[in-house]
Amino acid sequence: MTAVTDIRARFEALRTAEQADPAELDQLWTDLAVVEVDEMLGAWSGGDFATGHVASTILDKVNWVGKRFDGALDVQPIVCRGEDGQLYANEAAAGGGGASLWPVGFRGEVTATMVYDKMPVFDHFKKVDDDTVMGIMNGKLASAFGIAELYYFWLERNQ
C-alpha cells in the first residue's frame, strides 16, 4: 500500500506545484502502471501540470474541461464548457476532428494512447489509480502548437 500512497502523494505534489519540473514528471511517469484502452472509456475532467507549456494557454482560452471516450473509435479529445455553461466537443480545437484510442508503444511500454484524427499528435496515458491518469502529449507538436516540448496533463474520471 505504501507504493500506491507514495505515487499518489508525488502526483498531488506535482499537480499542485507552482512550477512542475519535467524531470520529476518523467520519473513519476516511469513509476506508473500502463492503461488498457477499455479502462479509458467514459467521461474525464482534466487539467495540466504547471510546466509553462503553450498548450496550457491554448486550452485555457477554449475553456477545456476534459475528454470523453465513448468507444475506442469514438473519442472527443477536447471537451469544453461554453458560455452557456454546457459542455461540447470542440472539434476546431482538435484540428477539425475527433480521435481514437489505441495500444501504442511509448518509452518502451505499450499503453492506451489517444490518436488525434487530424493532427500528428498522441496523448499517452498511464494510471495513477483507477480513476486518475497522467497523460503525456507528444508527436509533431511543432506543427500543432509551434514548440517541441512534451505536454504533461492529468485526467480524473467523472463519477
Protein backbone atom coordinates (compact mmCIF):
# COMPACT_ATOMS: atom_id res chain seq x y z
CA MET A 1 0.00 0.00 0.00
CA THR A 2 2.95 2.34 0.60
CA ALA A 3 3.89 2.42 -3.09
CA VAL A 4 0.37 3.49 -4.10
CA THR A 5 0.29 6.16 -1.40
CA ASP A 6 3.74 7.35 -2.44
CA ILE A 7 2.69 7.59 -6.11
CA ARG A 8 -0.49 9.46 -5.21
CA ALA A 9 1.43 11.83 -2.93
CA ARG A 10 4.02 12.52 -5.65
CA PHE A 11 1.25 13.06 -8.21
CA GLU A 12 -0.59 15.51 -5.93
CA ALA A 13 2.62 17.40 -5.12
CA LEU A 14 3.37 17.84 -8.83
CA ARG A 15 -0.25 18.65 -9.71
CA THR A 16 -0.42 21.45 -7.14
CA ALA A 17 3.13 22.78 -7.64
CA GLU A 18 3.50 26.36 -8.85
CA GLN A 19 6.13 25.05 -11.26
CA ALA A 20 6.37 21.33 -12.05
CA ASP A 21 9.78 20.02 -13.12
CA PRO A 22 9.50 17.91 -16.30
CA ALA A 23 12.27 15.62 -14.98
CA GLU A 24 10.14 14.85 -11.90
CA LEU A 25 7.09 14.33 -14.10
CA ASP A 26 9.09 11.90 -16.24
CA GLN A 27 10.18 9.99 -13.12
CA LEU A 28 6.59 9.76 -11.92
CA TRP A 29 5.53 8.57 -15.39
CA THR A 30 8.15 5.80 -15.24
CA ASP A 31 6.69 4.56 -11.95
CA LEU A 32 3.05 4.46 -13.12
CA ALA A 33 1.24 1.40 -14.49
CA VAL A 34 0.17 1.22 -18.12
CA VAL A 35 -3.52 1.58 -19.01
CA GLU A 36 -5.65 -0.66 -21.23
CA VAL A 37 -7.86 1.01 -23.86
CA ASP A 38 -11.07 -0.22 -22.17
CA GLU A 39 -10.02 1.42 -18.89
CA MET A 40 -10.21 4.85 -20.54
CA LEU A 41 -13.86 4.60 -21.59
CA GLY A 42 -16.14 7.25 -20.11
CA ALA A 43 -16.03 10.98 -19.40
CA TRP A 44 -13.00 12.56 -17.75
CA SER A 45 -12.22 16.01 -16.33
CA GLY A 46 -8.70 17.27 -16.72
CA GLY A 47 -6.01 19.77 -16.07
CA ASP A 48 -2.32 20.12 -16.57
CA PHE A 49 0.92 20.36 -14.67
CA ALA A 50 2.45 23.85 -14.44
CA THR A 51 5.36 23.47 -16.86
CA GLY A 52 4.73 26.65 -18.85
CA HIS A 53 3.73 24.71 -21.98
CA VAL A 54 1.91 26.79 -24.58
CA ALA A 55 -0.83 24.13 -24.85
CA SER A 56 -1.94 25.12 -21.35
CA THR A 57 -2.65 28.67 -22.52
CA ILE A 58 -4.46 27.43 -25.63
CA LEU A 59 -6.65 25.03 -23.64
CA ASP A 60 -7.45 27.73 -21.07
CA LYS A 61 -8.65 30.03 -23.86
CA VAL A 62 -11.14 27.44 -25.13
CA ASN A 63 -12.31 26.52 -21.59
CA TRP A 64 -11.11 22.91 -21.86
CA VAL A 65 -12.57 20.70 -19.14
CA GLY A 66 -11.62 17.19 -20.24
CA LYS A 67 -12.06 14.32 -22.69
CA ARG A 68 -14.79 11.81 -23.47
CA PHE A 69 -14.12 8.26 -24.64
CA ASP A 70 -17.41 6.72 -25.86
CA GLY A 71 -15.57 3.88 -27.60
CA ALA A 72 -12.13 3.12 -28.97
CA LEU A 73 -13.07 4.76 -32.27
CA ASP A 74 -15.36 7.43 -30.79
CA VAL A 75 -13.36 9.96 -28.80
CA GLN A 76 -13.95 13.64 -28.12
CA PRO A 77 -10.43 14.83 -27.25
CA ILE A 78 -11.24 18.41 -26.32
CA VAL A 79 -14.44 18.84 -24.33
CA CYS A 80 -15.03 22.48 -23.40
CA ARG A 81 -17.54 24.49 -21.40
CA GLY A 82 -19.43 27.03 -23.49
CA GLU A 83 -20.52 30.47 -22.36
CA ASP A 84 -23.95 28.96 -21.62
CA GLY A 85 -22.31 26.51 -19.17
CA GLN A 86 -22.97 23.48 -21.39
CA LEU A 87 -20.24 21.01 -22.35
CA TYR A 88 -19.44 20.50 -26.03
CA ALA A 89 -16.85 18.72 -28.17
CA ASN A 90 -14.58 21.43 -29.60
CA GLU A 91 -13.56 19.85 -32.89
CA ALA A 92 -11.96 23.08 -34.11
CA ALA A 93 -9.50 22.98 -31.20
CA ALA A 94 -8.79 19.32 -32.05
CA GLY A 95 -7.61 20.26 -35.52
CA GLY A 96 -11.08 19.78 -37.01
CA GLY A 97 -11.80 16.25 -35.85
CA GLY A 98 -12.10 13.72 -33.07
CA ALA A 99 -9.73 10.97 -32.02
CA SER A 100 -9.41 7.25 -31.35
CA LEU A 101 -7.81 5.06 -28.67
CA TRP A 102 -5.10 2.50 -29.44
CA PRO A 103 -2.50 0.50 -27.55
CA VAL A 104 0.71 2.26 -28.61
CA GLY A 105 4.35 1.86 -27.65
CA PHE A 106 5.87 4.85 -25.87
CA ARG A 107 9.12 4.85 -23.90
CA GLY A 108 9.38 1.07 -24.10
CA GLU A 109 5.85 0.27 -22.87
CA VAL A 110 2.52 -0.26 -24.60
CA THR A 111 -0.23 1.84 -23.05
CA ALA A 112 -3.59 3.33 -24.05
CA THR A 113 -2.97 6.25 -26.36
CA MET A 114 -5.36 8.76 -27.88
CA VAL A 115 -4.55 9.49 -31.54
CA TYR A 116 -6.00 12.70 -32.97
CA ASP A 117 -7.82 12.24 -36.29
CA LYS A 118 -6.43 15.33 -37.98
CA MET A 119 -3.28 16.27 -36.07
CA PRO A 120 0.04 14.41 -35.80
CA VAL A 121 -0.37 14.25 -32.02
CA PHE A 122 -0.61 11.41 -29.49
CA ASP A 123 -1.81 11.52 -25.87
CA HIS A 124 -0.29 8.60 -23.96
CA PHE A 125 -1.89 7.58 -20.63
CA LYS A 126 -0.67 5.82 -17.51
CA LYS A 127 -2.57 5.02 -14.33
CA VAL A 128 -2.18 6.92 -11.06
CA ASP A 129 -5.16 4.96 -9.67
CA ASP A 130 -8.41 3.50 -11.05
CA ASP A 131 -9.95 6.96 -11.53
CA THR A 132 -6.89 9.11 -12.32
CA VAL A 133 -4.47 9.01 -15.21
CA MET A 134 -1.44 11.03 -16.18
CA GLY A 135 -1.05 11.97 -19.83
CA ILE A 136 1.86 12.99 -21.99
CA MET A 137 1.09 14.65 -25.31
CA ASN A 138 3.71 14.18 -27.96
CA GLY A 139 4.09 13.90 -31.70
CA LYS A 140 4.75 16.63 -34.17
CA LEU A 141 3.83 19.30 -31.66
CA ALA A 142 5.80 21.87 -33.59
CA SER A 143 3.15 21.75 -36.30
CA ALA A 144 0.26 21.78 -33.83
CA PHE A 145 1.50 24.26 -31.21
CA GLY A 146 4.75 25.70 -32.50
CA ILE A 147 7.02 24.03 -29.92
CA ALA A 148 8.66 20.66 -29.34
CA GLU A 149 8.35 20.12 -25.56
CA LEU A 150 6.10 17.42 -24.19
CA TYR A 151 2.82 18.50 -22.59
CA TYR A 152 2.03 16.86 -19.23
CA PHE A 153 -1.56 16.66 -18.06
CA TRP A 154 -3.94 14.60 -15.94
CA LEU A 155 -7.49 13.28 -16.16
CA GLU A 156 -9.93 12.21 -13.43
CA ARG A 157 -12.89 10.00 -14.22
CA ASN A 158 -16.27 11.74 -13.87
CA GLN A 159 -18.49 9.88 -11.42
